[in-house]
Amino acid sequence: MNEEKHKRAMTIALVSESAGMLFTIAGVWIGGTLLFSGYLTGGFGMAMLAADVLPTLGVALLLIVAGQILRAVVDNSNQ
């Protein structure tokens, strides 16, 4: 693998992991905002919290894992 393609792939992996971290921060912020807003009462409130936070954290996890996989594949193909 030539050097230019290696750098491009590593940049894409870094962007993916960074986006995942931003989504993680956003999910935690959304959850904290909902918890401390006072609007969440009973089972409906917890369902609303789960529906807002879990997909965001799930996408964040997928982005981070995709970046780590890309980084591992590119590093192994470079050797």
PDB file of N, CA and C in Angstrom:
ATOM      1  N   MET A   1       0.852  -1.169   0.000  1.00  0.00           N
ATOM      2  CA  MET A   1       0.000   0.000   0.000  1.00  0.00           C
ATOM      3  C   MET A   1       0.900   1.234   0.000  1.00  0.00           C
ATOM      4  N   ASN A   2       0.643   2.135  -0.926  1.00  0.00           N
ATOM      5  CA  ASN A   2       1.524   3.300  -0.974  1.00  0.00           C
ATOM      6  C   ASN A   2       1.194   4.286   0.153  1.00  0.00           C
ATOM      7  N   GLU A   3       2.120   5.186   0.363  1.00  0.00           N
ATOM      8  CA  GLU A   3       2.053   6.088   1.521  1.00  0.00           C
ATOM      9  C   GLU A   3       0.832   7.009   1.484  1.00  0.00           C
ATOM     10  N   GLU A   4       0.454   7.484   0.305  1.00  0.00           N
ATOM     11  CA  GLU A   4      -0.685   8.411   0.198  1.00  0.00           C
ATOM     12  C   GLU A   4      -1.993   7.716   0.588  1.00  0.00           C
ATOM     13  N   LYS A   5      -2.192   6.490   0.106  1.00  0.00           N
ATOM     14  CA  LYS A   5      -3.410   5.757   0.450  1.00  0.00           C
ATOM     15  C   LYS A   5      -3.432   5.394   1.933  1.00  0.00           C
ATOM     16  N   HIS A   6      -2.267   5.095   2.487  1.00  0.00           N
ATOM     17  CA  HIS A   6      -2.180   4.772   3.907  1.00  0.00           C
ATOM     18  C   HIS A   6      -2.577   5.977   4.751  1.00  0.00           C
ATOM     19  N   LYS A   7      -2.055   7.149   4.404  1.00  0.00           N
ATOM     20  CA  LYS A   7      -2.402   8.363   5.147  1.00  0.00           C
ATOM     21  C   LYS A   7      -3.892   8.681   5.021  1.00  0.00           C
ATOM     22  N   ARG A   8      -4.451   8.503   3.823  1.00  0.00           N
ATOM     23  CA  ARG A   8      -5.871   8.779   3.606  1.00  0.00           C
ATOM     24  C   ARG A   8      -6.734   7.836   4.447  1.00  0.00           C
ATOM     25  N   ALA A   9      -6.376   6.555   4.475  1.00  0.00           N
ATOM     26  CA  ALA A   9      -7.144   5.586   5.258  1.00  0.00           C
ATOM     27  C   ALA A   9      -7.039   5.881   6.753  1.00  0.00           C
ATOM     28  N   MET A  10      -5.867   6.255   7.206  1.00  0.00           N
ATOM     29  CA  MET A  10      -5.705   6.581   8.618  1.00  0.00           C
ATOM     30  C   MET A  10      -6.473   7.854   8.987  1.00  0.00           C
ATOM     31  N   THR A  11      -6.553   8.802   8.066  1.00  0.00           N
ATOM     32  CA  THR A  11      -7.335  10.013   8.296  1.00  0.00           C
ATOM     33  C   THR A  11      -8.815   9.688   8.398  1.00  0.00           C
ATOM     34  N   ILE A  12      -9.294   8.805   7.531  1.00  0.00           N
ATOM     35  CA  ILE A  12     -10.699   8.397   7.581  1.00  0.00           C
ATOM     36  C   ILE A  12     -10.995   7.687   8.898  1.00  0.00           C
ATOM     37  N   ALA A  13     -10.071   6.839   9.352  1.00  0.00           N
ATOM     38  CA  ALA A  13     -10.254   6.159  10.634  1.00  0.00           C
ATOM     39  C   ALA A  13     -10.313   7.170  11.778  1.00  0.00           C
ATOM     40  N   LEU A  14      -9.454   8.162  11.742  1.00  0.00           N
ATOM     41  CA  LEU A  14      -9.450   9.193  12.777  1.00  0.00           C
ATOM     42  C   LEU A  14     -10.743   9.998  12.771  1.00  0.00           C
ATOM     43  N   VAL A  15     -11.231  10.341  11.587  1.00  0.00           N
ATOM     44  CA  VAL A  15     -12.492  11.091  11.480  1.00  0.00           C
ATOM     45  C   VAL A  15     -13.653  10.259  12.020  1.00  0.00           C
ATOM     46  N   SER A  16     -13.669   8.972  11.691  1.00  0.00           N
ATOM     47  CA  SER A  16     -14.723   8.095  12.184  1.00  0.00           C
ATOM     48  C   SER A  16     -14.710   8.002  13.702  1.00  0.00           C
ATOM     49  N   GLU A  17     -13.541   7.811  14.273  1.00  0.00           N
ATOM     50  CA  GLU A  17     -13.437   7.731  15.731  1.00  0.00           C
ATOM     51  C   GLU A  17     -13.789   9.064  16.394  1.00  0.00           C
ATOM     52  N   SER A  18     -13.390  10.163  15.795  1.00  0.00           N
ATOM     53  CA  SER A  18     -13.714  11.484  16.349  1.00  0.00           C
ATOM     54  C   SER A  18     -15.213  11.747  16.304  1.00  0.00           C
ATOM     55  N   ALA A  19     -15.843  11.374  15.197  1.00  0.00           N
ATOM     56  CA  ALA A  19     -17.298  11.532  15.097  1.00  0.00           C
ATOM     57  C   ALA A  19     -17.994  10.665  16.137  1.00  0.00           C
ATOM     58  N   GLY A  20     -17.478   9.471  16.357  1.00  0.00           N
ATOM     59  CA  GLY A  20     -18.043   8.602  17.387  1.00  0.00           C
ATOM     60  C   GLY A  20     -17.937   9.212  18.769  1.00  0.00           C
ATOM     61  N   MET A  21     -16.810   9.835  19.053  1.00  0.00           N
ATOM     62  CA  MET A  21     -16.656  10.482  20.354  1.00  0.00           C
ATOM     63  C   MET A  21     -17.609  11.678  20.491  1.00  0.00           C
ATOM     64  N   LEU A  22     -17.798  12.413  19.411  1.00  0.00           N
ATOM     65  CA  LEU A  22     -18.750  13.535  19.454  1.00  0.00           C
ATOM     66  C   LEU A  22     -20.178  13.039  19.684  1.00  0.00           C
ATOM     67  N   PHE A  23     -20.535  11.927  19.041  1.00  0.00           N
ATOM     68  CA  PHE A  23     -21.853  11.346  19.261  1.00  0.00           C
ATOM     69  C   PHE A  23     -21.997  10.853  20.701  1.00  0.00           C
ATOM     70  N   THR A  24     -20.934  10.318  21.274  1.00  0.00           N
ATOM     71  CA  THR A  24     -20.973   9.875  22.666  1.00  0.00           C
ATOM     72  C   THR A  24     -21.229  11.060  23.592  1.00  0.00           C
ATOM     73  N   ILE A  25     -20.507  12.138  23.365  1.00  0.00           N
ATOM     74  CA  ILE A  25     -20.709  13.345  24.175  1.00  0.00           C
ATOM     75  C   ILE A  25     -22.127  13.874  24.002  1.00  0.00           C
ATOM     76  N   ALA A  26     -22.624  13.866  22.762  1.00  0.00           N
ATOM     77  CA  ALA A  26     -23.984  14.349  22.510  1.00  0.00           C
ATOM     78  C   ALA A  26     -25.014  13.467  23.202  1.00  0.00           C
ATOM     79  N   GLY A  27     -24.824  12.153  23.173  1.00  0.00           N
ATOM     80  CA  GLY A  27     -25.766  11.252  23.835  1.00  0.00           C
ATOM     81  C   GLY A  27     -25.805  11.454  25.334  1.00  0.00           C
ATOM     82  N   VAL A  28     -24.643  11.622  25.932  1.00  0.00           N
ATOM     83  CA  VAL A  28     -24.587  11.862  27.377  1.00  0.00           C
ATOM     84  C   VAL A  28     -25.207  13.218  27.704  1.00  0.00           C
ATOM     85  N   TRP A  29     -24.946  14.206  26.876  1.00  0.00           N
ATOM     86  CA  TRP A  29     -25.522  15.534  27.113  1.00  0.00           C
ATOM     87  C   TRP A  29     -27.049  15.499  26.992  1.00  0.00           C
ATOM     88  N   ILE A  30     -27.560  14.810  25.979  1.00  0.00           N
ATOM     89  CA  ILE A  30     -29.012  14.687  25.809  1.00  0.00           C
ATOM     90  C   ILE A  30     -29.624  13.984  27.017  1.00  0.00           C
ATOM     91  N   GLY A  31     -28.982  12.896  27.450  1.00  0.00           N
ATOM     92  CA  GLY A  31     -29.494  12.170  28.610  1.00  0.00           C
ATOM     93  C   GLY A  31     -29.497  13.019  29.869  1.00  0.00           C
ATOM     94  N   GLY A  32     -28.408  13.736  30.090  1.00  0.00           N
ATOM     95  CA  GLY A  32     -28.339  14.606  31.267  1.00  0.00           C
ATOM     96  C   GLY A  32     -29.369  15.716  31.223  1.00  0.00           C
ATOM     97  N   THR A  33     -29.549  16.283  30.057  1.00  0.00           N
ATOM     98  CA  THR A  33     -30.538  17.354  29.906  1.00  0.00           C
ATOM     99  C   THR A  33     -31.943  16.845  30.189  1.00  0.00           C
ATOM    100  N   LEU A  34     -32.256  15.664  29.675  1.00  0.00           N
ATOM    101  CA  LEU A  34     -33.587  15.106  29.918  1.00  0.00           C
ATOM    102  C   LEU A  34     -33.785  14.719  31.376  1.00  0.00           C
ATOM    103  N   LEU A  35     -32.742  14.168  31.989  1.00  0.00           N
ATOM    104  CA  LEU A  35     -32.883  13.752  33.388  1.00  0.00           C
ATOM    105  C   LEU A  35     -33.102  14.928  34.321  1.00  0.00           C
ATOM    106  N   PHE A  36     -32.386  16.015  34.093  1.00  0.00           N
ATOM    107  CA  PHE A  36     -32.462  17.150  35.001  1.00  0.00           C
ATOM    108  C   PHE A  36     -33.487  18.203  34.591  1.00  0.00           C
ATOM    109  N   SER A  37     -34.251  17.933  33.531  1.00  0.00           N
ATOM    110  CA  SER A  37     -35.252  18.907  33.094  1.00  0.00           C
ATOM    111  C   SER A  37     -36.526  18.840  33.926  1.00  0.00           C
ATOM    112  N   GLY A  38     -36.771  17.697  34.543  1.00  0.00           N
ATOM    113  CA  GLY A  38     -37.979  17.568  35.347  1.00  0.00           C
ATOM    114  C   GLY A  38     -39.178  17.076  34.565  1.00  0.00           C
ATOM    115  N   TYR A  39     -39.040  16.844  33.264  1.00  0.00           N
ATOM    116  CA  TYR A  39     -40.158  16.395  32.450  1.00  0.00           C
ATOM    117  C   TYR A  39     -40.316  14.879  32.456  1.00  0.00           C
ATOM    118  N   LEU A  40     -39.290  14.165  32.859  1.00  0.00           N
ATOM    119  CA  LEU A  40     -39.343  12.715  32.837  1.00  0.00           C
ATOM    120  C   LEU A  40     -39.980  12.207  34.126  1.00  0.00           C
ATOM    121  N   THR A  41     -41.192  11.715  34.008  1.00  0.00           N
ATOM    122  CA  THR A  41     -41.870  11.159  35.174  1.00  0.00           C
ATOM    123  C   THR A  41     -42.425   9.791  34.794  1.00  0.00           C
ATOM    124  N   GLY A  42     -42.185   8.827  35.634  1.00  0.00           N
ATOM    125  CA  GLY A  42     -42.756   7.501  35.442  1.00  0.00           C
ATOM    126  C   GLY A  42     -42.125   6.736  34.292  1.00  0.00           C
ATOM    127  N   GLY A  43     -42.868   5.737  33.851  1.00  0.00           N
ATOM    128  CA  GLY A  43     -42.390   4.865  32.790  1.00  0.00           C
ATOM    129  C   GLY A  43     -42.275   5.566  31.452  1.00  0.00           C
ATOM    130  N   PHE A  44     -43.166   6.502  31.180  1.00  0.00           N
ATOM    131  CA  PHE A  44     -43.101   7.231  29.910  1.00  0.00           C
ATOM    132  C   PHE A  44     -41.819   8.040  29.815  1.00  0.00           C
ATOM    133  N   GLY A  45     -41.413   8.636  30.889  1.00  0.00           N
ATOM    134  CA  GLY A  45     -40.187   9.421  30.900  1.00  0.00           C
ATOM    135  C   GLY A  45     -38.964   8.568  30.641  1.00  0.00           C
ATOM    136  N   MET A  46     -38.911   7.390  31.257  1.00  0.00           N
ATOM    137  CA  MET A  46     -37.776   6.500  31.033  1.00  0.00           C
ATOM    138  C   MET A  46     -37.769   5.966  29.607  1.00  0.00           C
ATOM    139  N   ALA A  47     -38.938   5.702  29.061  1.00  0.00           N
ATOM    140  CA  ALA A  47     -39.014   5.253  27.670  1.00  0.00           C
ATOM    141  C   ALA A  47     -38.536   6.353  26.726  1.00  0.00           C
ATOM    142  N   MET A  48     -38.899   7.590  27.033  1.00  0.00           N
ATOM    143  CA  MET A  48     -38.459   8.714  26.219  1.00  0.00           C
ATOM    144  C   MET A  48     -36.945   8.898  26.326  1.00  0.00           C
ATOM    145  N   LEU A  49     -36.409   8.737  27.515  1.00  0.00           N
ATOM    146  CA  LEU A  49     -34.970   8.846  27.713  1.00  0.00           C
ATOM    147  C   LEU A  49     -34.236   7.770  26.924  1.00  0.00           C
ATOM    148  N   ALA A  50     -34.712   6.534  27.014  1.00  0.00           N
ATOM    149  CA  ALA A  50     -34.072   5.429  26.290  1.00  0.00           C
ATOM    150  C   ALA A  50     -34.181   5.625  24.779  1.00  0.00           C
ATOM    151  N   ALA A  51     -35.312   6.110  24.306  1.00  0.00           N
ATOM    152  CA  ALA A  51     -35.504   6.311  22.874  1.00  0.00           C
ATOM    153  C   ALA A  51     -34.630   7.432  22.330  1.00  0.00           C
ATOM    154  N   ASP A  52     -34.278   8.384  23.161  1.00  0.00           N
ATOM    155  CA  ASP A  52     -33.428   9.484  22.712  1.00  0.00           C
ATOM    156  C   ASP A  52     -31.946   9.179  22.846  1.00  0.00           C
ATOM    157  N   VAL A  53     -31.559   8.489  23.896  1.00  0.00           N
ATOM    158  CA  VAL A  53     -30.140   8.319  24.195  1.00  0.00           C
ATOM    159  C   VAL A  53     -29.549   7.064  23.553  1.00  0.00           C
ATOM    160  N   LEU A  54     -30.225   5.939  23.619  1.00  0.00           N
ATOM    161  CA  LEU A  54     -29.648   4.681  23.156  1.00  0.00           C
ATOM    162  C   LEU A  54     -29.282   4.663  21.670  1.00  0.00           C
ATOM    163  N   PRO A  55     -30.116   5.186  20.767  1.00  0.00           N
ATOM    164  CA  PRO A  55     -29.677   5.202  19.365  1.00  0.00           C
ATOM    165  C   PRO A  55     -28.438   6.062  19.134  1.00  0.00           C
ATOM    166  N   THR A  56     -28.348   7.175  19.826  1.00  0.00           N
ATOM    167  CA  THR A  56     -27.187   8.042  19.680  1.00  0.00           C
ATOM    168  C   THR A  56     -25.928   7.334  20.160  1.00  0.00           C
ATOM    169  N   LEU A  57     -26.006   6.668  21.291  1.00  0.00           N
ATOM    170  CA  LEU A  57     -24.849   5.950  21.810  1.00  0.00           C
ATOM    171  C   LEU A  57     -24.521   4.729  20.954  1.00  0.00           C
ATOM    172  N   GLY A  58     -25.544   4.109  20.370  1.00  0.00           N
ATOM    173  CA  GLY A  58     -25.310   2.979  19.477  1.00  0.00           C
ATOM    174  C   GLY A  58     -24.563   3.385  18.221  1.00  0.00           C
ATOM    175  N   VAL A  59     -24.961   4.483  17.621  1.00  0.00           N
ATOM    176  CA  VAL A  59     -24.262   4.989  16.431  1.00  0.00           C
ATOM    177  C   VAL A  59     -22.835   5.388  16.798  1.00  0.00           C
ATOM    178  N   ALA A  60     -22.668   5.983  17.970  1.00  0.00           N
ATOM    179  CA  ALA A  60     -21.325   6.363  18.417  1.00  0.00           C
ATOM    180  C   ALA A  60     -20.431   5.141  18.543  1.00  0.00           C
ATOM    181  N   LEU A  61     -20.949   4.082  19.132  1.00  0.00           N
ATOM    182  CA  LEU A  61     -20.166   2.859  19.284  1.00  0.00           C
ATOM    183  C   LEU A  61     -19.796   2.270  17.924  1.00  0.00           C
ATOM    184  N   LEU A  62     -20.737   2.265  16.997  1.00  0.00           N
ATOM    185  CA  LEU A  62     -20.456   1.736  15.658  1.00  0.00           C
ATOM    186  C   LEU A  62     -19.384   2.555  14.943  1.00  0.00           C
ATOM    187  N   LEU A  63     -19.420   3.865  15.080  1.00  0.00           N
ATOM    188  CA  LEU A  63     -18.402   4.705  14.442  1.00  0.00           C
ATOM    189  C   LEU A  63     -17.017   4.462  15.044  1.00  0.00           C
ATOM    190  N   ILE A  64     -16.948   4.336  16.341  1.00  0.00           N
ATOM    191  CA  ILE A  64     -15.661   4.093  16.986  1.00  0.00           C
ATOM    192  C   ILE A  64     -15.111   2.732  16.586  1.00  0.00           C
ATOM    193  N   VAL A  65     -15.964   1.722  16.586  1.00  0.00           N
ATOM    194  CA  VAL A  65     -15.519   0.378  16.214  1.00  0.00           C
ATOM    195  C   VAL A  65     -15.091   0.338  14.748  1.00  0.00           C
ATOM    196  N   ALA A  66     -15.827   1.011  13.876  1.00  0.00           N
ATOM    197  CA  ALA A  66     -15.451   1.043  12.458  1.00  0.00           C
ATOM    198  C   ALA A  66     -14.093   1.703  12.269  1.00  0.00           C
ATOM    199  N   GLY A  67     -13.834   2.769  13.003  1.00  0.00           N
ATOM    200  CA  GLY A  67     -12.533   3.426  12.919  1.00  0.00           C
ATOM    201  C   GLY A  67     -11.411   2.531  13.416  1.00  0.00           C
ATOM    202  N   GLN A  68     -11.662   1.801  14.496  1.00  0.00           N
ATOM    203  CA  GLN A  68     -10.647   0.891  15.027  1.00  0.00           C
ATOM    204  C   GLN A  68     -10.379  -0.272  14.069  1.00  0.00           C
ATOM    205  N   ILE A  69     -11.429  -0.798  13.456  1.00  0.00           N
ATOM    206  CA  ILE A  69     -11.254  -1.884  12.487  1.00  0.00           C
ATOM    207  C   ILE A  69     -10.469  -1.393  11.280  1.00  0.00           C
ATOM    208  N   LEU A  70     -10.812  -0.221  10.765  1.00  0.00           N
ATOM    209  CA  LEU A  70     -10.086   0.326   9.626  1.00  0.00           C
ATOM    210  C   LEU A  70      -8.620   0.545   9.965  1.00  0.00           C
ATOM    211  N   ARG A  71      -8.360   1.058  11.154  1.00  0.00           N
ATOM    212  CA  ARG A  71      -6.981   1.278  11.580  1.00  0.00           C
ATOM    213  C   ARG A  71      -6.214  -0.046  11.651  1.00  0.00           C
ATOM    214  N   ALA A  72      -6.843  -1.091  12.170  1.00  0.00           N
ATOM    215  CA  ALA A  72      -6.181  -2.393  12.285  1.00  0.00           C
ATOM    216  C   ALA A  72      -5.919  -3.007  10.907  1.00  0.00           C
ATOM    217  N   VAL A  73      -6.895  -2.906  10.017  1.00  0.00           N
ATOM    218  CA  VAL A  73      -6.721  -3.478   8.684  1.00  0.00           C
ATOM    219  C   VAL A  73      -5.635  -2.746   7.917  1.00  0.00           C
ATOM    220  N   VAL A  74      -5.615  -1.438   7.995  1.00  0.00           N
ATOM    221  CA  VAL A  74      -4.608  -0.662   7.253  1.00  0.00           C
ATOM    222  C   VAL A  74      -3.213  -0.914   7.822  1.00  0.00           C
ATOM    223  N   ASP A  75      -3.090  -0.994   9.145  1.00  0.00           N
ATOM    224  CA  ASP A  75      -1.786  -1.260   9.739  1.00  0.00           C
ATOM    225  C   ASP A  75      -1.266  -2.647   9.361  1.00  0.00           C
ATOM    226  N   ASN A  76      -2.147  -3.642   9.297  1.00  0.00           N
ATOM    227  CA  ASN A  76      -1.714  -4.998   8.946  1.00  0.00           C
ATOM    228  C   ASN A  76      -1.385  -5.122   7.468  1.00  0.00           C
ATOM    229  N   SER A  77      -2.077  -4.381   6.614  1.00  0.00           N
ATOM    230  CA  SER A  77      -1.792  -4.473   5.187  1.00  0.00           C
ATOM    231  C   SER A  77      -0.519  -3.713   4.807  1.00  0.00           C
ATOM    232  N   ASN A  78      -0.088  -2.831   5.699  1.00  0.00           N
ATOM    233  CA  ASN A  78       1.119  -2.036   5.432  1.00  0.00           C
ATOM    234  C   ASN A  78       2.401  -2.820   5.721  1.00  0.00           C
ATOM    235  N   GLN A  79       2.301  -3.901   6.466  1.00  0.00           N
ATOM    236  CA  GLN A  79       3.497  -4.658   6.861  1.00  0.00           C
ATOM    237  C   GLN A  79       3.926  -5.649   5.815  1.00  0.00           C
TER     238      GLN A  79
END
